[in-house]
């Protein structure tokens, strides 16, 4: 549980949820608000998924199922992931 609560991605999504909750009080109820909440839920789910995947990778390395160098992405994989990164601005 501690690995989830102390992860910066999870903390960021929780604090953004607090900000979204505060803005929900004053904003009109329309489709844009629903999309904001949907986006927030997906960011929480993704950040929790990343923590779970990282924990599973660490467990597999400790158990000797995979090699540590195989678990780390190569420079080409990092570059490809960075090029796929999409930013959303509202």
PDB file of N, CA and C in Angstrom:
ATOM      1  N   UNK A   1       0.817  -1.183   0.000  1.00  0.00           N
ATOM      2  CA  UNK A   1       0.000   0.000   0.000  1.00  0.00           C
ATOM      3  C   UNK A   1       0.871   1.262   0.000  1.00  0.00           C
ATOM      4  N   UNK A   2       1.984   1.192   0.700  1.00  0.00           N
ATOM      5  CA  UNK A   2       2.868   2.351   0.797  1.00  0.00           C
ATOM      6  C   UNK A   2       3.439   2.722  -0.561  1.00  0.00           C
ATOM      7  N   UNK A   3       3.713   1.712  -1.394  1.00  0.00           N
ATOM      8  CA  UNK A   3       4.295   1.996  -2.707  1.00  0.00           C
ATOM      9  C   UNK A   3       3.326   2.782  -3.578  1.00  0.00           C
ATOM     10  N   UNK A   4       2.025   2.622  -3.353  1.00  0.00           N
ATOM     11  CA  UNK A   4       1.042   3.380  -4.122  1.00  0.00           C
ATOM     12  C   UNK A   4       0.898   4.806  -3.587  1.00  0.00           C
ATOM     13  N   UNK A   5       0.841   4.933  -2.271  1.00  0.00           N
ATOM     14  CA  UNK A   5       0.597   6.243  -1.676  1.00  0.00           C
ATOM     15  C   UNK A   5       1.789   7.183  -1.786  1.00  0.00           C
ATOM     16  N   UNK A   6       3.000   6.647  -1.864  1.00  0.00           N
ATOM     17  CA  UNK A   6       4.184   7.488  -1.923  1.00  0.00           C
ATOM     18  C   UNK A   6       4.711   7.684  -3.342  1.00  0.00           C
ATOM     19  N   UNK A   7       4.056   7.135  -4.325  1.00  0.00           N
ATOM     20  CA  UNK A   7       4.481   7.300  -5.706  1.00  0.00           C
ATOM     21  C   UNK A   7       4.075   8.686  -6.195  1.00  0.00           C
ATOM     22  N   UNK A   8       4.991   9.358  -6.886  1.00  0.00           N
ATOM     23  CA  UNK A   8       4.723  10.736  -7.315  1.00  0.00           C
ATOM     24  C   UNK A   8       3.594  10.806  -8.343  1.00  0.00           C
ATOM     25  N   UNK A   9       3.475   9.801  -9.195  1.00  0.00           N
ATOM     26  CA  UNK A   9       2.392   9.799 -10.182  1.00  0.00           C
ATOM     27  C   UNK A   9       1.023   9.664  -9.526  1.00  0.00           C
ATOM     28  N   UNK A  10       0.940   8.784  -8.544  1.00  0.00           N
ATOM     29  CA  UNK A  10      -0.327   8.594  -7.835  1.00  0.00           C
ATOM     30  C   UNK A  10      -0.656   9.845  -7.025  1.00  0.00           C
ATOM     31  N   UNK A  11       0.348  10.403  -6.354  1.00  0.00           N
ATOM     32  CA  UNK A  11       0.119  11.622  -5.578  1.00  0.00           C
ATOM     33  C   UNK A  11      -0.338  12.762  -6.478  1.00  0.00           C
ATOM     34  N   UNK A  12       0.290  12.895  -7.622  1.00  0.00           N
ATOM     35  CA  UNK A  12      -0.100  13.947  -8.558  1.00  0.00           C
ATOM     36  C   UNK A  12      -1.523  13.795  -9.044  1.00  0.00           C
ATOM     37  N   UNK A  13      -1.919  12.571  -9.325  1.00  0.00           N
ATOM     38  CA  UNK A  13      -3.287  12.364  -9.799  1.00  0.00           C
ATOM     39  C   UNK A  13      -4.304  12.589  -8.682  1.00  0.00           C
ATOM     40  N   UNK A  14      -3.933  12.266  -7.449  1.00  0.00           N
ATOM     41  CA  UNK A  14      -4.836  12.515  -6.326  1.00  0.00           C
ATOM     42  C   UNK A  14      -5.010  14.015  -6.112  1.00  0.00           C
ATOM     43  N   UNK A  15      -3.909  14.753  -6.143  1.00  0.00           N
ATOM     44  CA  UNK A  15      -4.010  16.202  -5.959  1.00  0.00           C
ATOM     45  C   UNK A  15      -4.736  16.869  -7.122  1.00  0.00           C
ATOM     46  N   UNK A  16      -4.568  16.354  -8.315  1.00  0.00           N
ATOM     47  CA  UNK A  16      -5.326  16.918  -9.431  1.00  0.00           C
ATOM     48  C   UNK A  16      -6.810  16.603  -9.274  1.00  0.00           C
ATOM     49  N   UNK A  17      -7.132  15.474  -8.662  1.00  0.00           N
ATOM     50  CA  UNK A  17      -8.530  15.150  -8.365  1.00  0.00           C
ATOM     51  C   UNK A  17      -9.122  16.115  -7.360  1.00  0.00           C
ATOM     52  N   UNK A  18      -8.300  16.530  -6.376  1.00  0.00           N
ATOM     53  CA  UNK A  18      -8.774  17.504  -5.413  1.00  0.00           C
ATOM     54  C   UNK A  18      -9.067  18.839  -6.116  1.00  0.00           C
ATOM     55  N   UNK A  19      -8.181  19.231  -7.008  1.00  0.00           N
ATOM     56  CA  UNK A  19      -8.384  20.458  -7.768  1.00  0.00           C
ATOM     57  C   UNK A  19      -9.623  20.354  -8.647  1.00  0.00           C
ATOM     58  N   UNK A  20      -9.815  19.209  -9.254  1.00  0.00           N
ATOM     59  CA  UNK A  20     -10.986  18.990 -10.090  1.00  0.00           C
ATOM     60  C   UNK A  20     -12.263  19.034  -9.254  1.00  0.00           C
ATOM     61  N   UNK A  21     -12.215  18.489  -8.057  1.00  0.00           N
ATOM     62  CA  UNK A  21     -13.371  18.521  -7.167  1.00  0.00           C
ATOM     63  C   UNK A  21     -13.726  19.959  -6.797  1.00  0.00           C
ATOM     64  N   UNK A  22     -12.725  20.767  -6.516  1.00  0.00           N
ATOM     65  CA  UNK A  22     -12.968  22.166  -6.177  1.00  0.00           C
ATOM     66  C   UNK A  22     -13.566  22.924  -7.362  1.00  0.00           C
ATOM     67  N   UNK A  23     -13.072  22.660  -8.560  1.00  0.00           N
ATOM     68  CA  UNK A  23     -13.611  23.347  -9.737  1.00  0.00           C
ATOM     69  C   UNK A  23     -14.993  22.829 -10.121  1.00  0.00           C
ATOM     70  N   UNK A  24     -15.324  21.606  -9.738  1.00  0.00           N
ATOM     71  CA  UNK A  24     -16.637  21.031 -10.038  1.00  0.00           C
ATOM     72  C   UNK A  24     -17.737  21.757  -9.268  1.00  0.00           C
ATOM     73  N   UNK A  25     -17.403  22.238  -8.083  1.00  0.00           N
ATOM     74  CA  UNK A  25     -18.409  22.916  -7.266  1.00  0.00           C
ATOM     75  C   UNK A  25     -18.956  24.165  -7.954  1.00  0.00           C
ATOM     76  N   UNK A  26     -18.105  24.865  -8.696  1.00  0.00           N
ATOM     77  CA  UNK A  26     -18.510  26.133  -9.296  1.00  0.00           C
ATOM     78  C   UNK A  26     -18.839  26.051 -10.776  1.00  0.00           C
ATOM     79  N   UNK A  27     -18.550  24.949 -11.419  1.00  0.00           N
ATOM     80  CA  UNK A  27     -18.739  24.879 -12.869  1.00  0.00           C
ATOM     81  C   UNK A  27     -20.112  24.304 -13.215  1.00  0.00           C
ATOM     82  N   UNK A  28     -20.606  24.632 -14.412  1.00  0.00           N
ATOM     83  CA  UNK A  28     -21.895  24.082 -14.840  1.00  0.00           C
ATOM     84  C   UNK A  28     -21.766  22.585 -15.148  1.00  0.00           C
ATOM     85  N   UNK A  29     -22.834  21.882 -14.961  1.00  0.00           N
ATOM     86  CA  UNK A  29     -22.851  20.445 -15.220  1.00  0.00           C
ATOM     87  C   UNK A  29     -23.129  20.218 -16.708  1.00  0.00           C
ATOM     88  N   UNK A  30     -22.085  19.882 -17.451  1.00  0.00           N
ATOM     89  CA  UNK A  30     -22.255  19.599 -18.865  1.00  0.00           C
ATOM     90  C   UNK A  30     -21.279  18.503 -19.283  1.00  0.00           C
ATOM     91  N   UNK A  31     -21.225  18.240 -20.573  1.00  0.00           N
ATOM     92  CA  UNK A  31     -20.420  17.134 -21.091  1.00  0.00           C
ATOM     93  C   UNK A  31     -18.930  17.350 -20.855  1.00  0.00           C
ATOM     94  N   UNK A  32     -18.477  18.600 -20.802  1.00  0.00           N
ATOM     95  CA  UNK A  32     -17.053  18.859 -20.582  1.00  0.00           C
ATOM     96  C   UNK A  32     -16.623  18.447 -19.184  1.00  0.00           C
ATOM     97  N   UNK A  33     -17.502  18.644 -18.222  1.00  0.00           N
ATOM     98  CA  UNK A  33     -17.192  18.225 -16.854  1.00  0.00           C
ATOM     99  C   UNK A  33     -17.086  16.703 -16.769  1.00  0.00           C
ATOM    100  N   UNK A  34     -17.965  16.016 -17.463  1.00  0.00           N
ATOM    101  CA  UNK A  34     -17.904  14.546 -17.486  1.00  0.00           C
ATOM    102  C   UNK A  34     -16.601  14.070 -18.121  1.00  0.00           C
ATOM    103  N   UNK A  35     -16.161  14.748 -19.167  1.00  0.00           N
ATOM    104  CA  UNK A  35     -14.893  14.379 -19.797  1.00  0.00           C
ATOM    105  C   UNK A  35     -13.705  14.641 -18.875  1.00  0.00           C
ATOM    106  N   UNK A  36     -13.766  15.719 -18.109  1.00  0.00           N
ATOM    107  CA  UNK A  36     -12.702  15.995 -17.138  1.00  0.00           C
ATOM    108  C   UNK A  36     -12.599  14.886 -16.103  1.00  0.00           C
ATOM    109  N   UNK A  37     -13.747  14.462 -15.582  1.00  0.00           N
ATOM    110  CA  UNK A  37     -13.733  13.386 -14.585  1.00  0.00           C
ATOM    111  C   UNK A  37     -13.273  12.062 -15.199  1.00  0.00           C
ATOM    112  N   UNK A  38     -13.668  11.812 -16.433  1.00  0.00           N
ATOM    113  CA  UNK A  38     -13.229  10.600 -17.120  1.00  0.00           C
ATOM    114  C   UNK A  38     -11.713  10.617 -17.320  1.00  0.00           C
ATOM    115  N   UNK A  39     -11.182  11.760 -17.692  1.00  0.00           N
ATOM    116  CA  UNK A  39      -9.738  11.894 -17.840  1.00  0.00           C
ATOM    117  C   UNK A  39      -9.011  11.716 -16.524  1.00  0.00           C
ATOM    118  N   UNK A  40      -9.588  12.243 -15.452  1.00  0.00           N
ATOM    119  CA  UNK A  40      -8.961  12.078 -14.144  1.00  0.00           C
ATOM    120  C   UNK A  40      -8.970  10.613 -13.720  1.00  0.00           C
ATOM    121  N   UNK A  41     -10.086   9.935 -13.923  1.00  0.00           N
ATOM    122  CA  UNK A  41     -10.155   8.515 -13.569  1.00  0.00           C
ATOM    123  C   UNK A  41      -9.139   7.689 -14.358  1.00  0.00           C
ATOM    124  N   UNK A  42      -8.985   8.022 -15.626  1.00  0.00           N
ATOM    125  CA  UNK A  42      -8.010   7.276 -16.429  1.00  0.00           C
ATOM    126  C   UNK A  42      -6.584   7.567 -15.965  1.00  0.00           C
ATOM    127  N   UNK A  43      -6.294   8.790 -15.538  1.00  0.00           N
ATOM    128  CA  UNK A  43      -4.943   9.089 -15.050  1.00  0.00           C
ATOM    129  C   UNK A  43      -4.658   8.358 -13.740  1.00  0.00           C
ATOM    130  N   UNK A  44      -5.648   8.245 -12.881  1.00  0.00           N
ATOM    131  CA  UNK A  44      -5.469   7.486 -11.632  1.00  0.00           C
ATOM    132  C   UNK A  44      -5.246   6.011 -11.946  1.00  0.00           C
ATOM    133  N   UNK A  45      -6.042   5.475 -12.848  1.00  0.00           N
ATOM    134  CA  UNK A  45      -5.899   4.065 -13.210  1.00  0.00           C
ATOM    135  C   UNK A  45      -4.532   3.786 -13.837  1.00  0.00           C
ATOM    136  N   UNK A  46      -4.078   4.675 -14.696  1.00  0.00           N
ATOM    137  CA  UNK A  46      -2.768   4.485 -15.332  1.00  0.00           C
ATOM    138  C   UNK A  46      -1.626   4.593 -14.330  1.00  0.00           C
ATOM    139  N   UNK A  47      -1.712   5.548 -13.415  1.00  0.00           N
ATOM    140  CA  UNK A  47      -0.631   5.689 -12.443  1.00  0.00           C
ATOM    141  C   UNK A  47      -0.584   4.491 -11.502  1.00  0.00           C
ATOM    142  N   UNK A  48      -1.725   3.964 -11.110  1.00  0.00           N
ATOM    143  CA  UNK A  48      -1.752   2.768 -10.266  1.00  0.00           C
ATOM    144  C   UNK A  48      -1.235   1.566 -11.052  1.00  0.00           C
ATOM    145  N   UNK A  49      -1.589   1.483 -12.327  1.00  0.00           N
ATOM    146  CA  UNK A  49      -1.103   0.395 -13.168  1.00  0.00           C
ATOM    147  C   UNK A  49       0.407   0.415 -13.345  1.00  0.00           C
ATOM    148  N   UNK A  50       0.975   1.611 -13.474  1.00  0.00           N
ATOM    149  CA  UNK A  50       2.431   1.728 -13.616  1.00  0.00           C
ATOM    150  C   UNK A  50       3.129   1.268 -12.342  1.00  0.00           C
ATOM    151  N   UNK A  51       2.589   1.633 -11.190  1.00  0.00           N
ATOM    152  CA  UNK A  51       3.187   1.206  -9.918  1.00  0.00           C
ATOM    153  C   UNK A  51       3.104  -0.315  -9.784  1.00  0.00           C
ATOM    154  N   UNK A  52       1.961  -0.889 -10.150  1.00  0.00           N
ATOM    155  CA  UNK A  52       1.799  -2.337 -10.063  1.00  0.00           C
ATOM    156  C   UNK A  52       2.744  -3.058 -11.025  1.00  0.00           C
ATOM    157  N   UNK A  53       2.913  -2.520 -12.228  1.00  0.00           N
ATOM    158  CA  UNK A  53       3.806  -3.139 -13.200  1.00  0.00           C
ATOM    159  C   UNK A  53       5.258  -3.049 -12.731  1.00  0.00           C
ATOM    160  N   UNK A  54       5.630  -1.925 -12.163  1.00  0.00           N
ATOM    161  CA  UNK A  54       6.980  -1.761 -11.639  1.00  0.00           C
ATOM    162  C   UNK A  54       7.246  -2.734 -10.490  1.00  0.00           C
ATOM    163  N   UNK A  55       6.268  -2.904  -9.611  1.00  0.00           N
ATOM    164  CA  UNK A  55       6.420  -3.846  -8.503  1.00  0.00           C
ATOM    165  C   UNK A  55       6.549  -5.282  -9.009  1.00  0.00           C
ATOM    166  N   UNK A  56       5.784  -5.615 -10.031  1.00  0.00           N
ATOM    167  CA  UNK A  56       5.864  -6.964 -10.602  1.00  0.00           C
ATOM    168  C   UNK A  56       7.218  -7.203 -11.263  1.00  0.00           C
ATOM    169  N   UNK A  57       7.732  -6.190 -11.951  1.00  0.00           N
ATOM    170  CA  UNK A  57       9.050  -6.320 -12.574  1.00  0.00           C
ATOM    171  C   UNK A  57      10.126  -6.513 -11.520  1.00  0.00           C
ATOM    172  N   UNK A  58      10.066  -5.738 -10.444  1.00  0.00           N
ATOM    173  CA  UNK A  58      11.039  -5.885  -9.355  1.00  0.00           C
ATOM    174  C   UNK A  58      10.941  -7.269  -8.715  1.00  0.00           C
ATOM    175  N   UNK A  59       9.715  -7.780  -8.571  1.00  0.00           N
ATOM    176  CA  UNK A  59       9.533  -9.117  -7.987  1.00  0.00           C
ATOM    177  C   UNK A  59      10.129 -10.187  -8.885  1.00  0.00           C
ATOM    178  N   UNK A  60       9.921 -10.035 -10.194  1.00  0.00           N
ATOM    179  CA  UNK A  60      10.449 -11.028 -11.132  1.00  0.00           C
ATOM    180  C   UNK A  60      11.971 -10.990 -11.192  1.00  0.00           C
ATOM    181  N   UNK A  61      12.556  -9.797 -11.060  1.00  0.00           N
ATOM    182  CA  UNK A  61      14.015  -9.695 -11.029  1.00  0.00           C
ATOM    183  C   UNK A  61      14.555 -10.358  -9.777  1.00  0.00           C
ATOM    184  N   UNK A  62      13.907 -10.109  -8.632  1.00  0.00           N
ATOM    185  CA  UNK A  62      14.356 -10.697  -7.368  1.00  0.00           C
ATOM    186  C   UNK A  62      14.215 -12.216  -7.379  1.00  0.00           C
ATOM    187  N   UNK A  63      13.193 -12.726  -8.053  1.00  0.00           N
ATOM    188  CA  UNK A  63      12.986 -14.169  -8.121  1.00  0.00           C
ATOM    189  C   UNK A  63      13.882 -14.831  -9.158  1.00  0.00           C
ATOM    190  N   UNK A  64      14.545 -14.032  -9.983  1.00  0.00           N
ATOM    191  CA  UNK A  64      15.436 -14.577 -10.996  1.00  0.00           C
ATOM    192  C   UNK A  64      14.734 -15.023 -12.260  1.00  0.00           C
ATOM    193  N   UNK A  65      13.484 -14.634 -12.426  1.00  0.00           N
ATOM    194  CA  UNK A  65      12.736 -15.023 -13.617  1.00  0.00           C
ATOM    195  C   UNK A  65      13.223 -14.275 -14.856  1.00  0.00           C
ATOM    196  N   UNK A  66      13.621 -13.022 -14.670  1.00  0.00           N
ATOM    197  CA  UNK A  66      14.140 -12.230 -15.775  1.00  0.00           C
ATOM    198  C   UNK A  66      15.438 -11.572 -15.340  1.00  0.00           C
ATOM    199  N   UNK A  67      16.241 -11.198 -16.326  1.00  0.00           N
ATOM    200  CA  UNK A  67      17.505 -10.533 -16.046  1.00  0.00           C
ATOM    201  C   UNK A  67      17.249  -9.037 -15.876  1.00  0.00           C
ATOM    202  N   UNK A  68      18.035  -8.396 -15.034  1.00  0.00           N
ATOM    203  CA  UNK A  68      17.818  -6.974 -14.753  1.00  0.00           C
ATOM    204  C   UNK A  68      18.010  -6.113 -15.997  1.00  0.00           C
ATOM    205  N   UNK A  69      18.971  -6.461 -16.829  1.00  0.00           N
ATOM    206  CA  UNK A  69      19.194  -5.649 -18.034  1.00  0.00           C
ATOM    207  C   UNK A  69      18.058  -5.810 -19.037  1.00  0.00           C
ATOM    208  N   UNK A  70      17.345  -6.937 -19.004  1.00  0.00           N
ATOM    209  CA  UNK A  70      16.196  -7.124 -19.888  1.00  0.00           C
ATOM    210  C   UNK A  70      14.991  -6.321 -19.413  1.00  0.00           C
ATOM    211  N   UNK A  71      14.931  -5.995 -18.130  1.00  0.00           N
ATOM    212  CA  UNK A  71      13.786  -5.280 -17.577  1.00  0.00           C
ATOM    213  C   UNK A  71      13.844  -3.787 -17.887  1.00  0.00           C
ATOM    214  N   UNK A  72      15.041  -3.259 -18.105  1.00  0.00           N
ATOM    215  CA  UNK A  72      15.177  -1.831 -18.379  1.00  0.00           C
ATOM    216  C   UNK A  72      15.015  -1.582 -19.880  1.00  0.00           C
ATOM    217  N   UNK A  73      14.249  -0.541 -20.230  1.00  0.00           N
ATOM    218  CA  UNK A  73      14.074  -0.246 -21.659  1.00  0.00           C
ATOM    219  C   UNK A  73      15.360   0.309 -22.268  1.00  0.00           C
ATOM    220  N   UNK A  74      15.584  -0.005 -23.520  1.00  0.00           N
ATOM    221  CA  UNK A  74      16.765   0.496 -24.216  1.00  0.00           C
ATOM    222  C   UNK A  74      16.567   1.959 -24.587  1.00  0.00           C
ATOM    223  N   UNK A  75      17.633   2.588 -25.087  1.00  0.00           N
ATOM    224  CA  UNK A  75      17.539   3.989 -25.489  1.00  0.00           C
ATOM    225  C   UNK A  75      16.555   4.159 -26.636  1.00  0.00           C
ATOM    226  N   UNK A  76      16.527   3.206 -27.543  1.00  0.00           N
ATOM    227  CA  UNK A  76      15.600   3.283 -28.675  1.00  0.00           C
ATOM    228  C   UNK A  76      14.149   3.175 -28.198  1.00  0.00           C
ATOM    229  N   UNK A  77      13.894   2.305 -27.217  1.00  0.00           N
ATOM    230  CA  UNK A  77      12.541   2.173 -26.681  1.00  0.00           C
ATOM    231  C   UNK A  77      12.115   3.440 -25.958  1.00  0.00           C
ATOM    232  N   UNK A  78      13.055   4.060 -25.222  1.00  0.00           N
ATOM    233  CA  UNK A  78      12.745   5.308 -24.532  1.00  0.00           C
ATOM    234  C   UNK A  78      12.425   6.417 -25.531  1.00  0.00           C
ATOM    235  N   UNK A  79      13.197   6.481 -26.599  1.00  0.00           N
ATOM    236  CA  UNK A  79      12.982   7.509 -27.620  1.00  0.00           C
ATOM    237  C   UNK A  79      11.637   7.301 -28.308  1.00  0.00           C
ATOM    238  N   UNK A  80      11.298   6.047 -28.599  1.00  0.00           N
ATOM    239  CA  UNK A  80      10.026   5.749 -29.241  1.00  0.00           C
ATOM    240  C   UNK A  80       8.858   6.102 -28.318  1.00  0.00           C
ATOM    241  N   UNK A  81       8.993   5.817 -27.021  1.00  0.00           N
ATOM    242  CA  UNK A  81       7.935   6.152 -26.074  1.00  0.00           C
ATOM    243  C   UNK A  81       7.777   7.662 -25.954  1.00  0.00           C
ATOM    244  N   UNK A  82       8.887   8.376 -25.983  1.00  0.00           N
ATOM    245  CA  UNK A  82       8.826   9.826 -25.888  1.00  0.00           C
ATOM    246  C   UNK A  82       8.167  10.433 -27.120  1.00  0.00           C
ATOM    247  N   UNK A  83       8.399   9.852 -28.278  1.00  0.00           N
ATOM    248  CA  UNK A  83       7.793  10.379 -29.505  1.00  0.00           C
ATOM    249  C   UNK A  83       6.296  10.080 -29.554  1.00  0.00           C
ATOM    250  N   UNK A  84       5.854   9.034 -28.863  1.00  0.00           N
ATOM    251  CA  UNK A  84       4.416   8.693 -28.827  1.00  0.00           C
ATOM    252  C   UNK A  84       3.658   9.496 -27.791  1.00  0.00           C
ATOM    253  N   UNK A  85       4.378  10.194 -26.930  1.00  0.00           N
ATOM    254  CA  UNK A  85       3.748  10.928 -25.835  1.00  0.00           C
ATOM    255  C   UNK A  85       2.840  12.015 -26.402  1.00  0.00           C
ATOM    256  N   UNK A  86       1.619  12.049 -25.894  1.00  0.00           N
ATOM    257  CA  UNK A  86       0.641  13.008 -26.355  1.00  0.00           C
ATOM    258  C   UNK A  86       0.285  13.923 -25.179  1.00  0.00           C
ATOM    259  N   UNK A  87       0.246  15.206 -25.440  1.00  0.00           N
ATOM    260  CA  UNK A  87      -0.149  16.131 -24.403  1.00  0.00           C
ATOM    261  C   UNK A  87      -1.514  16.696 -24.734  1.00  0.00           C
ATOM    262  N   UNK A  88      -2.306  16.877 -23.708  1.00  0.00           N
ATOM    263  CA  UNK A  88      -3.649  17.402 -23.861  1.00  0.00           C
ATOM    264  C   UNK A  88      -3.727  18.734 -23.133  1.00  0.00           C
ATOM    265  N   UNK A  89      -4.079  19.761 -23.841  1.00  0.00           N
ATOM    266  CA  UNK A  89      -4.208  21.071 -23.200  1.00  0.00           C
ATOM    267  C   UNK A  89      -5.613  21.573 -23.394  1.00  0.00           C
ATOM    268  N   UNK A  90      -6.162  22.092 -22.329  1.00  0.00           N
ATOM    269  CA  UNK A  90      -7.558  22.580 -22.368  1.00  0.00           C
ATOM    270  C   UNK A  90      -7.541  24.066 -22.125  1.00  0.00           C
TER     271      UNK A  90
END
